[in-house]
N, C-alpha and C. Protein backbone atom coordinates (compact mmCIF):
# COMPACT_ATOMS: atom_id res chain seq x y z
N MET A 1 11.27 11.47 -17.97
CA MET A 1 11.08 10.07 -18.18
C MET A 1 11.85 9.25 -17.13
N LYS A 2 13.07 9.68 -16.82
CA LYS A 2 13.88 8.97 -15.84
C LYS A 2 13.25 9.04 -14.45
N LYS A 3 12.63 10.19 -14.14
CA LYS A 3 11.98 10.36 -12.85
C LYS A 3 10.80 9.39 -12.71
N LYS A 4 10.01 9.27 -13.76
CA LYS A 4 8.87 8.35 -13.75
C LYS A 4 9.34 6.90 -13.63
N LEU A 5 10.41 6.56 -14.33
CA LEU A 5 10.94 5.21 -14.27
C LEU A 5 11.42 4.87 -12.85
N ALA A 6 12.07 5.82 -12.21
CA ALA A 6 12.53 5.62 -10.83
C ALA A 6 11.34 5.44 -9.90
N GLU A 7 10.30 6.25 -10.09
CA GLU A 7 9.08 6.15 -9.27
C GLU A 7 8.42 4.78 -9.45
N LEU A 8 8.33 4.31 -10.68
CA LEU A 8 7.73 3.00 -10.94
C LEU A 8 8.57 1.87 -10.38
N SER A 9 9.86 2.01 -10.43
CA SER A 9 10.75 1.00 -9.87
C SER A 9 10.58 0.89 -8.36
N THR A 10 10.48 2.03 -7.70
CA THR A 10 10.26 2.06 -6.25
C THR A 10 8.91 1.42 -5.90
N PHE A 11 7.88 1.77 -6.66
CA PHE A 11 6.56 1.20 -6.44
C PHE A 11 6.59 -0.31 -6.64
N ASP A 12 7.30 -0.76 -7.67
CA ASP A 12 7.41 -2.19 -7.94
C ASP A 12 8.06 -2.92 -6.78
N ASP A 13 9.10 -2.34 -6.21
CA ASP A 13 9.77 -2.94 -5.05
C ASP A 13 8.84 -3.05 -3.85
N GLU A 14 8.07 -1.98 -3.59
CA GLU A 14 7.13 -1.99 -2.48
C GLU A 14 6.01 -3.00 -2.71
N LEU A 15 5.53 -3.08 -3.93
CA LEU A 15 4.47 -4.02 -4.28
C LEU A 15 4.96 -5.46 -4.10
N ARG A 16 6.17 -5.73 -4.55
CA ARG A 16 6.75 -7.07 -4.40
C ARG A 16 6.88 -7.43 -2.93
N HIS A 17 7.31 -6.46 -2.12
CA HIS A 17 7.45 -6.69 -0.68
C HIS A 17 6.11 -7.07 -0.05
N CYS A 18 5.06 -6.34 -0.39
CA CYS A 18 3.72 -6.65 0.14
C CYS A 18 3.23 -8.00 -0.36
N ALA A 19 3.49 -8.31 -1.61
CA ALA A 19 3.06 -9.59 -2.17
C ALA A 19 3.77 -10.74 -1.47
N ASP A 20 5.04 -10.56 -1.18
CA ASP A 20 5.80 -11.61 -0.50
C ASP A 20 5.31 -11.84 0.93
N LYS A 21 4.76 -10.80 1.56
CA LYS A 21 4.25 -10.94 2.92
C LYS A 21 2.92 -11.68 2.94
N ARG A 22 2.26 -11.77 1.78
CA ARG A 22 0.95 -12.43 1.67
C ARG A 22 -0.02 -11.91 2.73
N ILE A 23 -0.28 -10.64 2.68
CA ILE A 23 -1.15 -9.97 3.63
C ILE A 23 -2.56 -10.54 3.54
N SER A 24 -3.09 -10.94 4.67
CA SER A 24 -4.45 -11.47 4.67
C SER A 24 -5.43 -10.34 5.01
N LEU A 25 -6.53 -10.36 4.31
CA LEU A 25 -7.57 -9.37 4.53
C LEU A 25 -8.78 -10.05 5.15
N ASP A 26 -9.40 -9.36 6.08
CA ASP A 26 -10.63 -9.85 6.69
C ASP A 26 -11.70 -8.80 6.45
N LEU A 27 -12.71 -9.15 5.70
CA LEU A 27 -13.74 -8.19 5.35
C LEU A 27 -14.47 -7.65 6.58
N ASP A 28 -14.48 -8.41 7.66
CA ASP A 28 -15.12 -7.95 8.89
C ASP A 28 -14.32 -6.84 9.58
N ASP A 29 -13.02 -6.70 9.23
CA ASP A 29 -12.19 -5.65 9.83
C ASP A 29 -12.55 -4.28 9.29
N GLY A 30 -13.10 -4.21 8.11
CA GLY A 30 -13.47 -2.94 7.52
C GLY A 30 -12.36 -2.34 6.67
N VAL A 31 -12.72 -1.29 5.97
CA VAL A 31 -11.81 -0.63 5.04
C VAL A 31 -10.61 -0.02 5.75
N LYS A 32 -10.83 0.67 6.85
CA LYS A 32 -9.73 1.35 7.53
C LYS A 32 -8.61 0.39 7.92
N VAL A 33 -8.95 -0.73 8.48
CA VAL A 33 -7.94 -1.69 8.92
C VAL A 33 -7.25 -2.32 7.72
N ASN A 34 -8.02 -2.79 6.75
CA ASN A 34 -7.44 -3.46 5.59
C ASN A 34 -6.62 -2.50 4.73
N TYR A 35 -7.07 -1.29 4.56
CA TYR A 35 -6.36 -0.29 3.77
C TYR A 35 -5.01 0.01 4.40
N GLY A 36 -4.97 0.07 5.71
CA GLY A 36 -3.74 0.38 6.42
C GLY A 36 -2.67 -0.68 6.31
N LYS A 37 -3.04 -1.88 5.92
CA LYS A 37 -2.08 -2.98 5.81
C LYS A 37 -1.15 -2.85 4.62
N PHE A 38 -1.42 -1.93 3.72
CA PHE A 38 -0.65 -1.82 2.49
C PHE A 38 0.35 -0.67 2.48
N GLY A 39 0.60 -0.08 3.61
CA GLY A 39 1.64 0.93 3.70
C GLY A 39 1.46 2.08 2.73
N THR A 40 2.50 2.36 1.97
CA THR A 40 2.48 3.51 1.07
C THR A 40 1.99 3.16 -0.33
N LEU A 41 1.55 1.95 -0.55
CA LEU A 41 1.11 1.55 -1.89
C LEU A 41 -0.17 2.24 -2.33
N LEU A 42 -1.03 2.54 -1.41
CA LEU A 42 -2.32 3.13 -1.76
C LEU A 42 -2.32 4.64 -1.53
N ALA A 43 -3.02 5.33 -2.39
CA ALA A 43 -3.09 6.79 -2.31
C ALA A 43 -3.99 7.25 -1.17
N GLU A 44 -3.67 8.37 -0.62
CA GLU A 44 -4.48 9.04 0.39
C GLU A 44 -4.78 8.15 1.59
N LYS A 45 -3.79 7.43 2.04
CA LYS A 45 -3.95 6.52 3.18
C LYS A 45 -4.43 7.28 4.42
N LYS A 46 -3.89 8.46 4.62
CA LYS A 46 -4.23 9.23 5.83
C LYS A 46 -5.72 9.58 5.85
N LYS A 47 -6.30 9.90 4.69
CA LYS A 47 -7.72 10.24 4.65
C LYS A 47 -8.60 9.06 5.05
N VAL A 48 -8.19 7.87 4.70
CA VAL A 48 -9.00 6.69 4.97
C VAL A 48 -8.77 6.18 6.39
N THR A 49 -7.50 6.04 6.77
CA THR A 49 -7.20 5.43 8.05
C THR A 49 -7.08 6.43 9.19
N GLY A 50 -6.85 7.68 8.85
CA GLY A 50 -6.66 8.71 9.88
C GLY A 50 -5.25 8.70 10.43
N LYS A 51 -4.39 7.86 9.86
CA LYS A 51 -2.99 7.75 10.31
C LYS A 51 -2.07 8.15 9.17
N GLY A 52 -0.90 8.71 9.52
CA GLY A 52 0.06 9.14 8.50
C GLY A 52 0.94 8.10 8.13
C-alpha cells in the first residue's frame, strides 16, 4: 500500500508540473508530437513517439 501511495504521489507531482506549464496542443501536429509533450505521464511513450 505504501508503494502505491508513493507512486501516486510522484504521478501527482508530475501531473501538477505539466498542468502548471499549460502545454498547448495543436491537432495539426499529430499524435506523436502532442503525446511527447507530456513526458513520463503517459504510458508507452516510446512506442508512440519512437523516443525514450
